[in-house]
N, C-alpha and C. Protein backbone atom coordinates (compact mmCIF):
# COMPACT_ATOMS: atom_id res chain seq x y z
N MET A 1 0.83 -1.18 0.00
CA MET A 1 0.00 0.00 0.00
C MET A 1 0.88 1.25 0.00
N GLY A 2 1.92 1.23 0.83
CA GLY A 2 2.81 2.38 0.91
C GLY A 2 3.53 2.63 -0.40
N ALA A 3 4.00 1.56 -1.03
CA ALA A 3 4.71 1.72 -2.30
C ALA A 3 3.77 2.30 -3.35
N SER A 4 2.58 1.79 -3.43
CA SER A 4 1.63 2.29 -4.42
C SER A 4 1.33 3.77 -4.19
N MET A 5 1.04 4.14 -2.96
CA MET A 5 0.74 5.54 -2.65
C MET A 5 1.96 6.43 -2.94
N ARG A 6 3.15 5.95 -2.61
CA ARG A 6 4.38 6.71 -2.85
C ARG A 6 4.52 7.01 -4.33
N TYR A 7 4.45 5.98 -5.16
CA TYR A 7 4.73 6.14 -6.58
C TYR A 7 3.63 6.93 -7.29
N LEU A 8 2.38 6.64 -6.96
CA LEU A 8 1.29 7.36 -7.62
C LEU A 8 1.24 8.83 -7.20
N SER A 9 1.70 9.14 -5.99
CA SER A 9 1.77 10.54 -5.55
C SER A 9 2.95 11.25 -6.19
N GLN A 10 4.08 10.56 -6.31
CA GLN A 10 5.28 11.18 -6.87
C GLN A 10 5.15 11.48 -8.36
N ARG A 11 4.33 10.78 -9.06
CA ARG A 11 4.23 10.95 -10.51
C ARG A 11 3.83 12.37 -10.90
N PHE A 12 3.12 13.06 -10.03
CA PHE A 12 2.65 14.41 -10.38
C PHE A 12 3.79 15.41 -10.47
N ALA A 13 4.88 15.17 -9.77
CA ALA A 13 6.04 16.07 -9.82
C ALA A 13 7.13 15.53 -10.75
N ALA A 14 6.85 14.47 -11.48
CA ALA A 14 7.86 13.87 -12.36
C ALA A 14 8.25 14.88 -13.45
N PRO A 15 9.55 15.01 -13.73
CA PRO A 15 10.02 16.03 -14.66
C PRO A 15 9.93 15.62 -16.13
N ASN A 16 9.62 14.34 -16.41
CA ASN A 16 9.52 13.93 -17.82
C ASN A 16 8.55 12.76 -17.93
N ARG A 17 8.17 12.45 -19.15
CA ARG A 17 7.17 11.40 -19.39
C ARG A 17 7.70 10.01 -19.04
N ILE A 18 8.99 9.79 -19.19
CA ILE A 18 9.55 8.48 -18.84
C ILE A 18 9.34 8.22 -17.36
N THR A 19 9.75 9.18 -16.54
CA THR A 19 9.63 9.03 -15.09
C THR A 19 8.17 8.93 -14.68
N MET A 20 7.33 9.77 -15.25
CA MET A 20 5.90 9.74 -14.93
C MET A 20 5.31 8.37 -15.27
N GLY A 21 5.67 7.84 -16.42
CA GLY A 21 5.15 6.53 -16.83
C GLY A 21 5.60 5.41 -15.92
N VAL A 22 6.89 5.42 -15.55
CA VAL A 22 7.40 4.39 -14.65
C VAL A 22 6.68 4.46 -13.31
N LEU A 23 6.55 5.65 -12.76
CA LEU A 23 5.88 5.81 -11.46
C LEU A 23 4.42 5.34 -11.54
N ASN A 24 3.74 5.67 -12.62
CA ASN A 24 2.35 5.26 -12.79
C ASN A 24 2.25 3.75 -12.93
N ASP A 25 3.09 3.16 -13.79
CA ASP A 25 3.04 1.71 -14.01
C ASP A 25 3.36 0.92 -12.74
N VAL A 26 4.45 1.29 -12.09
CA VAL A 26 4.86 0.54 -10.90
C VAL A 26 3.87 0.78 -9.76
N GLY A 27 3.38 2.01 -9.61
CA GLY A 27 2.38 2.29 -8.56
C GLY A 27 1.12 1.48 -8.73
N THR A 28 0.69 1.33 -9.97
CA THR A 28 -0.50 0.52 -10.25
C THR A 28 -0.23 -0.96 -9.98
N GLU A 29 0.94 -1.43 -10.40
CA GLU A 29 1.27 -2.84 -10.15
C GLU A 29 1.37 -3.14 -8.67
N GLU A 30 1.85 -2.17 -7.88
CA GLU A 30 1.94 -2.39 -6.43
C GLU A 30 0.57 -2.63 -5.81
N LEU A 31 -0.48 -2.05 -6.38
CA LEU A 31 -1.84 -2.34 -5.89
C LEU A 31 -2.17 -3.82 -6.10
N ALA A 32 -1.72 -4.38 -7.21
CA ALA A 32 -1.94 -5.80 -7.45
C ALA A 32 -1.14 -6.64 -6.45
N HIS A 33 0.05 -6.17 -6.08
CA HIS A 33 0.84 -6.89 -5.07
C HIS A 33 0.10 -6.89 -3.74
N LEU A 34 -0.50 -5.76 -3.38
CA LEU A 34 -1.28 -5.69 -2.15
C LEU A 34 -2.41 -6.72 -2.19
N GLU A 35 -3.07 -6.84 -3.32
CA GLU A 35 -4.16 -7.79 -3.45
C GLU A 35 -3.65 -9.22 -3.30
N MET A 36 -2.50 -9.52 -3.88
CA MET A 36 -1.94 -10.87 -3.78
C MET A 36 -1.55 -11.22 -2.34
N VAL A 37 -0.87 -10.31 -1.68
CA VAL A 37 -0.46 -10.57 -0.30
C VAL A 37 -1.69 -10.69 0.60
N SER A 38 -2.65 -9.82 0.41
CA SER A 38 -3.87 -9.89 1.22
C SER A 38 -4.60 -11.21 1.01
N THR A 39 -4.64 -11.68 -0.21
CA THR A 39 -5.28 -12.97 -0.50
C THR A 39 -4.56 -14.10 0.21
N ILE A 40 -3.23 -14.09 0.16
CA ILE A 40 -2.45 -15.13 0.84
C ILE A 40 -2.74 -15.11 2.34
N VAL A 41 -2.70 -13.93 2.94
CA VAL A 41 -2.96 -13.82 4.38
C VAL A 41 -4.37 -14.30 4.70
N HIS A 42 -5.34 -13.89 3.89
CA HIS A 42 -6.72 -14.33 4.13
C HIS A 42 -6.83 -15.86 4.05
N GLN A 43 -6.23 -16.45 3.01
CA GLN A 43 -6.32 -17.90 2.86
C GLN A 43 -5.65 -18.64 4.01
N LEU A 44 -4.61 -18.07 4.58
CA LEU A 44 -3.91 -18.71 5.69
C LEU A 44 -4.63 -18.56 7.02
N THR A 45 -5.50 -17.56 7.14
CA THR A 45 -6.10 -17.26 8.44
C THR A 45 -7.61 -17.45 8.51
N CYS A 46 -8.30 -17.55 7.39
CA CYS A 46 -9.76 -17.50 7.42
C CYS A 46 -10.41 -18.66 8.19
N ASP A 47 -9.75 -19.79 8.29
CA ASP A 47 -10.35 -20.93 8.97
C ASP A 47 -9.74 -21.22 10.34
N LEU A 48 -8.97 -20.28 10.87
CA LEU A 48 -8.36 -20.49 12.19
C LEU A 48 -9.42 -20.46 13.28
N THR A 49 -9.25 -21.30 14.27
CA THR A 49 -10.13 -21.28 15.43
C THR A 49 -9.61 -20.21 16.41
N PRO A 50 -10.46 -19.75 17.32
CA PRO A 50 -9.97 -18.79 18.32
C PRO A 50 -8.77 -19.34 19.10
N GLU A 51 -8.75 -20.65 19.35
CA GLU A 51 -7.62 -21.24 20.07
C GLU A 51 -6.33 -21.14 19.25
N GLU A 52 -6.40 -21.42 17.95
CA GLU A 52 -5.23 -21.32 17.07
C GLU A 52 -4.75 -19.87 16.96
N ILE A 53 -5.70 -18.95 16.93
CA ILE A 53 -5.37 -17.53 16.86
C ILE A 53 -4.61 -17.11 18.12
N GLU A 54 -5.13 -17.52 19.26
CA GLU A 54 -4.46 -17.16 20.52
C GLU A 54 -3.09 -17.83 20.63
N LYS A 55 -3.00 -19.10 20.28
CA LYS A 55 -1.72 -19.82 20.34
C LYS A 55 -0.69 -19.18 19.39
N GLY A 56 -1.13 -18.68 18.26
CA GLY A 56 -0.24 -18.06 17.29
C GLY A 56 0.16 -16.64 17.63
N GLY A 57 -0.37 -16.09 18.72
CA GLY A 57 -0.01 -14.74 19.14
C GLY A 57 -0.80 -13.64 18.46
N PHE A 58 -1.96 -13.98 17.89
CA PHE A 58 -2.75 -13.01 17.15
C PHE A 58 -4.04 -12.60 17.88
N ALA A 59 -4.11 -12.84 19.18
CA ALA A 59 -5.34 -12.54 19.92
C ALA A 59 -5.67 -11.05 19.87
N ASN A 60 -4.69 -10.18 20.07
CA ASN A 60 -4.96 -8.74 20.05
C ASN A 60 -5.45 -8.29 18.68
N TYR A 61 -4.83 -8.79 17.63
CA TYR A 61 -5.26 -8.47 16.27
C TYR A 61 -6.70 -8.94 16.07
N TYR A 62 -6.99 -10.15 16.51
CA TYR A 62 -8.31 -10.75 16.34
C TYR A 62 -9.40 -9.92 17.03
N VAL A 63 -9.09 -9.40 18.20
CA VAL A 63 -10.07 -8.60 18.94
C VAL A 63 -10.51 -7.40 18.10
N ASP A 64 -9.56 -6.77 17.40
CA ASP A 64 -9.89 -5.59 16.60
C ASP A 64 -10.41 -5.91 15.21
N HIS A 65 -9.91 -6.98 14.60
CA HIS A 65 -10.17 -7.19 13.17
C HIS A 65 -10.72 -8.57 12.82
N THR A 66 -10.98 -9.43 13.80
CA THR A 66 -11.27 -10.85 13.57
C THR A 66 -10.23 -11.35 12.56
N VAL A 67 -10.68 -11.95 11.46
CA VAL A 67 -9.70 -12.40 10.46
C VAL A 67 -9.73 -11.49 9.22
N GLY A 68 -10.21 -10.26 9.42
CA GLY A 68 -10.17 -9.29 8.33
C GLY A 68 -8.74 -8.86 8.05
N ILE A 69 -8.52 -8.33 6.88
CA ILE A 69 -7.19 -7.88 6.50
C ILE A 69 -7.04 -6.41 6.88
N TRP A 70 -6.07 -6.14 7.73
CA TRP A 70 -5.77 -4.79 8.18
C TRP A 70 -4.27 -4.58 8.00
N PRO A 71 -3.86 -3.70 7.07
CA PRO A 71 -2.43 -3.56 6.77
C PRO A 71 -1.61 -3.09 7.98
N GLN A 72 -0.59 -3.87 8.29
CA GLN A 72 0.32 -3.52 9.36
C GLN A 72 1.64 -4.24 9.14
N SER A 73 2.66 -3.77 9.82
CA SER A 73 3.97 -4.41 9.70
C SER A 73 3.97 -5.74 10.43
N ALA A 74 5.02 -6.52 10.21
CA ALA A 74 5.15 -7.80 10.92
C ALA A 74 5.22 -7.58 12.42
N GLY A 75 5.68 -6.39 12.83
CA GLY A 75 5.77 -6.06 14.25
C GLY A 75 4.47 -5.54 14.83
N GLY A 76 3.42 -5.45 14.01
CA GLY A 76 2.11 -5.03 14.49
C GLY A 76 1.82 -3.54 14.37
N VAL A 77 2.68 -2.77 13.72
CA VAL A 77 2.45 -1.33 13.57
C VAL A 77 1.53 -1.11 12.37
N PRO A 78 0.36 -0.50 12.58
CA PRO A 78 -0.58 -0.30 11.47
C PRO A 78 -0.01 0.66 10.42
N PHE A 79 -0.39 0.41 9.17
CA PHE A 79 0.00 1.31 8.09
C PHE A 79 -0.64 2.67 8.30
N ASN A 80 0.11 3.71 7.96
CA ASN A 80 -0.46 5.06 7.89
C ASN A 80 0.28 5.83 6.81
N ALA A 81 -0.21 7.00 6.47
CA ALA A 81 0.36 7.78 5.37
C ALA A 81 1.77 8.24 5.65
N ASN A 82 2.24 8.16 6.88
CA ASN A 82 3.62 8.52 7.18
C ASN A 82 4.60 7.46 6.68
N GLU A 83 4.08 6.36 6.19
CA GLU A 83 4.93 5.27 5.71
C GLU A 83 5.52 5.53 4.34
N PHE A 84 5.11 6.58 3.65
CA PHE A 84 5.68 6.83 2.33
C PHE A 84 6.03 8.31 2.19
N SER A 85 6.87 8.58 1.20
CA SER A 85 7.36 9.94 1.02
C SER A 85 7.15 10.40 -0.41
N SER A 86 6.82 11.65 -0.55
CA SER A 86 6.74 12.31 -1.84
C SER A 86 7.15 13.76 -1.58
N VAL A 87 8.40 14.09 -1.93
CA VAL A 87 8.91 15.43 -1.61
C VAL A 87 8.96 16.36 -2.80
N GLY A 88 8.62 15.85 -4.01
CA GLY A 88 8.60 16.71 -5.19
C GLY A 88 9.96 16.95 -5.82
N ASP A 89 10.99 16.33 -5.29
CA ASP A 89 12.34 16.41 -5.84
C ASP A 89 12.59 15.07 -6.53
N PRO A 90 12.67 15.05 -7.85
CA PRO A 90 12.76 13.76 -8.55
C PRO A 90 13.94 12.89 -8.10
N LEU A 91 15.08 13.49 -7.84
CA LEU A 91 16.22 12.68 -7.40
C LEU A 91 15.97 12.10 -6.01
N ALA A 92 15.51 12.90 -5.09
CA ALA A 92 15.23 12.40 -3.74
C ALA A 92 14.16 11.31 -3.79
N ASP A 93 13.09 11.56 -4.55
CA ASP A 93 12.01 10.58 -4.64
C ASP A 93 12.48 9.29 -5.28
N LEU A 94 13.22 9.36 -6.38
CA LEU A 94 13.65 8.15 -7.06
C LEU A 94 14.66 7.34 -6.23
N PHE A 95 15.55 8.03 -5.51
CA PHE A 95 16.45 7.29 -4.63
C PHE A 95 15.67 6.59 -3.52
N GLU A 96 14.65 7.25 -3.00
CA GLU A 96 13.79 6.61 -2.00
C GLU A 96 13.08 5.40 -2.61
N ASP A 97 12.63 5.54 -3.85
CA ASP A 97 11.94 4.44 -4.52
C ASP A 97 12.87 3.24 -4.73
N LEU A 98 14.09 3.52 -5.15
CA LEU A 98 15.07 2.44 -5.32
C LEU A 98 15.29 1.71 -3.99
N ALA A 99 15.43 2.46 -2.92
CA ALA A 99 15.62 1.85 -1.60
C ALA A 99 14.39 1.05 -1.19
N ALA A 100 13.21 1.58 -1.45
CA ALA A 100 11.98 0.88 -1.08
C ALA A 100 11.87 -0.47 -1.80
N GLU A 101 12.25 -0.50 -3.06
CA GLU A 101 12.18 -1.75 -3.81
C GLU A 101 13.19 -2.77 -3.27
N GLN A 102 14.36 -2.30 -2.88
CA GLN A 102 15.35 -3.21 -2.29
C GLN A 102 14.85 -3.74 -0.94
N LYS A 103 14.21 -2.89 -0.15
CA LYS A 103 13.67 -3.33 1.13
C LYS A 103 12.55 -4.36 0.92
N ALA A 104 11.71 -4.13 -0.09
CA ALA A 104 10.64 -5.08 -0.38
C ALA A 104 11.23 -6.42 -0.82
N ARG A 105 12.25 -6.38 -1.68
CA ARG A 105 12.91 -7.62 -2.09
C ARG A 105 13.48 -8.35 -0.89
N LYS A 106 14.10 -7.61 0.02
CA LYS A 106 14.67 -8.22 1.23
C LYS A 106 13.58 -8.84 2.11
N THR A 107 12.44 -8.19 2.21
CA THR A 107 11.32 -8.75 2.97
C THR A 107 10.88 -10.07 2.36
N TYR A 108 10.76 -10.12 1.04
CA TYR A 108 10.38 -11.37 0.38
C TYR A 108 11.46 -12.44 0.59
N ASP A 109 12.74 -12.04 0.55
CA ASP A 109 13.82 -13.00 0.85
C ASP A 109 13.60 -13.61 2.24
N ASN A 110 13.29 -12.75 3.20
CA ASN A 110 13.08 -13.23 4.58
C ASN A 110 11.87 -14.15 4.68
N ILE A 111 10.80 -13.81 3.98
CA ILE A 111 9.61 -14.68 3.98
C ILE A 111 9.98 -16.04 3.39
N LEU A 112 10.74 -16.04 2.30
CA LEU A 112 11.11 -17.31 1.65
C LEU A 112 12.02 -18.16 2.54
N ARG A 113 12.76 -17.54 3.44
CA ARG A 113 13.57 -18.31 4.38
C ARG A 113 12.68 -19.04 5.39
N LEU A 114 11.51 -18.49 5.67
CA LEU A 114 10.62 -19.04 6.69
C LEU A 114 9.55 -19.96 6.13
N VAL A 115 9.13 -19.74 4.88
CA VAL A 115 7.97 -20.44 4.32
C VAL A 115 8.43 -21.48 3.30
N LYS A 116 7.94 -22.69 3.46
CA LYS A 116 8.29 -23.76 2.52
C LYS A 116 7.08 -24.24 1.70
N ASP A 117 5.89 -23.88 2.11
CA ASP A 117 4.67 -24.27 1.40
C ASP A 117 4.69 -23.63 0.01
N PRO A 118 4.68 -24.43 -1.07
CA PRO A 118 4.75 -23.87 -2.42
C PRO A 118 3.57 -22.95 -2.77
N GLU A 119 2.41 -23.18 -2.14
CA GLU A 119 1.27 -22.31 -2.43
C GLU A 119 1.47 -20.90 -1.89
N VAL A 120 2.37 -20.74 -0.95
CA VAL A 120 2.75 -19.41 -0.44
C VAL A 120 4.06 -18.96 -1.09
N ALA A 121 5.03 -19.86 -1.12
CA ALA A 121 6.37 -19.49 -1.60
C ALA A 121 6.37 -19.11 -3.08
N ASP A 122 5.61 -19.79 -3.92
CA ASP A 122 5.64 -19.48 -5.36
C ASP A 122 5.15 -18.07 -5.66
N PRO A 123 4.00 -17.64 -5.10
CA PRO A 123 3.61 -16.25 -5.35
C PRO A 123 4.58 -15.24 -4.74
N ILE A 124 5.19 -15.58 -3.62
CA ILE A 124 6.17 -14.69 -3.02
C ILE A 124 7.39 -14.56 -3.93
N ARG A 125 7.81 -15.67 -4.54
CA ARG A 125 8.93 -15.61 -5.50
C ARG A 125 8.57 -14.70 -6.69
N PHE A 126 7.34 -14.80 -7.15
CA PHE A 126 6.89 -13.93 -8.25
C PHE A 126 6.98 -12.47 -7.82
N LEU A 127 6.46 -12.16 -6.64
CA LEU A 127 6.49 -10.78 -6.16
C LEU A 127 7.93 -10.29 -5.99
N ARG A 128 8.80 -11.14 -5.49
CA ARG A 128 10.22 -10.80 -5.34
C ARG A 128 10.82 -10.44 -6.70
N ALA A 129 10.53 -11.24 -7.71
CA ALA A 129 11.05 -10.98 -9.05
C ALA A 129 10.55 -9.64 -9.58
N ARG A 130 9.31 -9.30 -9.29
CA ARG A 130 8.75 -8.02 -9.75
C ARG A 130 9.43 -6.84 -9.05
N GLU A 131 9.79 -7.01 -7.78
CA GLU A 131 10.50 -5.93 -7.07
C GLU A 131 11.84 -5.66 -7.74
N ILE A 132 12.50 -6.70 -8.22
CA ILE A 132 13.77 -6.52 -8.93
C ILE A 132 13.53 -5.74 -10.22
N VAL A 133 12.46 -6.07 -10.94
CA VAL A 133 12.13 -5.34 -12.16
C VAL A 133 11.81 -3.88 -11.83
N HIS A 134 11.07 -3.65 -10.77
CA HIS A 134 10.75 -2.27 -10.37
C HIS A 134 12.02 -1.49 -10.08
N PHE A 135 12.96 -2.10 -9.38
CA PHE A 135 14.24 -1.45 -9.09
C PHE A 135 14.93 -1.06 -10.40
N GLN A 136 14.93 -1.95 -11.37
CA GLN A 136 15.55 -1.65 -12.66
C GLN A 136 14.84 -0.51 -13.38
N ARG A 137 13.53 -0.51 -13.33
CA ARG A 137 12.76 0.56 -13.99
C ARG A 137 12.99 1.90 -13.32
N PHE A 138 13.09 1.91 -11.99
CA PHE A 138 13.40 3.18 -11.32
C PHE A 138 14.81 3.64 -11.66
N GLY A 139 15.73 2.71 -11.88
CA GLY A 139 17.06 3.08 -12.35
C GLY A 139 17.00 3.76 -13.71
N GLU A 140 16.16 3.25 -14.61
CA GLU A 140 15.97 3.88 -15.92
C GLU A 140 15.38 5.28 -15.76
N ALA A 141 14.40 5.43 -14.89
CA ALA A 141 13.80 6.74 -14.65
C ALA A 141 14.83 7.71 -14.09
N LEU A 142 15.65 7.23 -13.15
CA LEU A 142 16.69 8.08 -12.57
C LEU A 142 17.66 8.55 -13.65
N ARG A 143 18.08 7.64 -14.51
CA ARG A 143 18.99 8.05 -15.60
C ARG A 143 18.34 9.08 -16.50
N SER A 144 17.04 8.95 -16.77
CA SER A 144 16.37 9.92 -17.63
C SER A 144 16.34 11.30 -16.98
N VAL A 145 16.21 11.34 -15.67
CA VAL A 145 16.23 12.63 -14.95
C VAL A 145 17.65 13.19 -14.97
N GLN A 146 18.64 12.35 -14.70
CA GLN A 146 20.02 12.82 -14.65
C GLN A 146 20.50 13.34 -16.00
N GLU A 147 19.99 12.78 -17.09
CA GLU A 147 20.37 13.25 -18.42
C GLU A 147 19.88 14.66 -18.69
N GLN A 148 18.88 15.11 -17.97
CA GLN A 148 18.31 16.45 -18.18
C GLN A 148 18.87 17.49 -17.23
N LEU A 149 19.85 17.14 -16.43
CA LEU A 149 20.37 18.08 -15.45
C LEU A 149 21.19 19.17 -16.14
N ASP A 150 21.00 20.38 -15.70
CA ASP A 150 21.80 21.50 -16.18
C ASP A 150 21.84 22.57 -15.10
N SER A 151 22.43 23.70 -15.40
CA SER A 151 22.62 24.73 -14.38
C SER A 151 21.34 25.44 -13.99
N LYS A 152 20.22 25.10 -14.61
CA LYS A 152 18.94 25.75 -14.28
C LYS A 152 18.14 24.96 -13.25
N ASN A 153 18.69 23.87 -12.75
CA ASN A 153 17.94 23.10 -11.78
C ASN A 153 18.76 22.90 -10.52
N PHE A 154 18.19 22.25 -9.56
CA PHE A 154 18.80 22.12 -8.24
C PHE A 154 19.81 20.98 -8.13
N TYR A 155 19.99 20.22 -9.19
CA TYR A 155 20.80 19.01 -9.10
C TYR A 155 22.21 19.21 -9.63
N ALA A 156 22.44 20.37 -10.18
CA ALA A 156 23.77 20.77 -10.62
C ALA A 156 24.05 22.09 -9.91
N TYR A 157 25.13 22.72 -10.23
CA TYR A 157 25.43 24.02 -9.63
C TYR A 157 24.29 24.97 -9.95
N ASN A 158 23.75 25.59 -8.95
CA ASN A 158 22.66 26.54 -9.15
C ASN A 158 23.08 27.85 -8.50
N PRO A 159 23.37 28.87 -9.31
CA PRO A 159 23.89 30.13 -8.76
C PRO A 159 23.03 30.74 -7.66
N SER A 160 21.72 30.57 -7.75
CA SER A 160 20.87 31.20 -6.74
C SER A 160 21.03 30.54 -5.36
N TYR A 161 21.54 29.32 -5.32
CA TYR A 161 21.75 28.65 -4.04
C TYR A 161 23.23 28.49 -3.69
N ASP A 162 24.06 28.29 -4.70
CA ASP A 162 25.43 27.88 -4.46
C ASP A 162 26.46 29.00 -4.55
N ALA A 163 26.11 30.14 -5.13
CA ALA A 163 27.08 31.23 -5.27
C ALA A 163 27.35 31.84 -3.90
N PRO A 164 28.59 32.25 -3.67
CA PRO A 164 28.88 32.90 -2.39
C PRO A 164 28.08 34.19 -2.26
N THR A 165 27.66 34.44 -1.07
CA THR A 165 26.93 35.68 -0.84
C THR A 165 27.92 36.82 -0.69
N THR A 166 27.53 37.96 -1.14
CA THR A 166 28.39 39.14 -0.99
C THR A 166 27.83 40.00 0.12
N CYS A 167 28.70 40.71 0.70
CA CYS A 167 28.32 41.59 1.79
C CYS A 167 27.55 42.78 1.23
N PRO A 168 26.42 43.11 1.79
CA PRO A 168 25.68 44.28 1.31
C PRO A 168 26.46 45.56 1.64
N PRO A 169 26.19 46.60 0.89
CA PRO A 169 26.88 47.87 1.22
C PRO A 169 26.64 48.24 2.68
N CYS A 170 27.70 48.66 3.32
CA CYS A 170 27.55 49.01 4.73
C CYS A 170 28.41 50.23 5.05
N ASP A 171 28.41 50.60 6.31
CA ASP A 171 29.13 51.81 6.72
C ASP A 171 30.61 51.56 7.02
N GLY A 172 31.08 50.32 6.81
CA GLY A 172 32.49 50.02 7.04
C GLY A 172 32.81 49.61 8.45
N SER A 173 31.82 49.48 9.32
CA SER A 173 32.10 49.15 10.71
C SER A 173 32.28 47.65 10.94
N CYS A 174 31.91 46.83 9.95
CA CYS A 174 32.09 45.39 10.13
C CYS A 174 33.50 44.99 9.67
N GLU A 175 33.90 43.76 10.03
CA GLU A 175 35.25 43.30 9.69
C GLU A 175 35.38 42.85 8.25
N ASN A 176 34.29 42.65 7.53
CA ASN A 176 34.36 42.18 6.14
C ASN A 176 34.69 43.33 5.30
């Protein structure tokens, strides 16, 4: 959910059509990933008894959500909009996106270390492979932004920010 919201929000500040398209495509695909993960979780939990829920450490979750799907981290922290970033700076956003895809890949790696059931592991492998593709696509978008850098933007020398300031005319009483 966070990845989708991040990418679909960032697309509005994208500096070119390549970057906008990548953000739109990957953001939309991330919604499908949410659906896949939610389906897996639902299938694994929908027939649990209250005793199995309590034994598995999910009693607190069950009290609030029964076996409904409520996005949260493995540590139990609920998803909120603070989980994603969109700062309007294409380089900052794309570097964040690259990192997010690597973190998602690492999460799938960790799941695959724990899960051996092919009905769970196979879709997780698919999702892991897609995160690698997303990382590559964000790399392409980053290169397209970097190719457009010049002295009129914030990513190269920008005189309005980087030029030394000069002392304003004064009465000569300062040391400058």
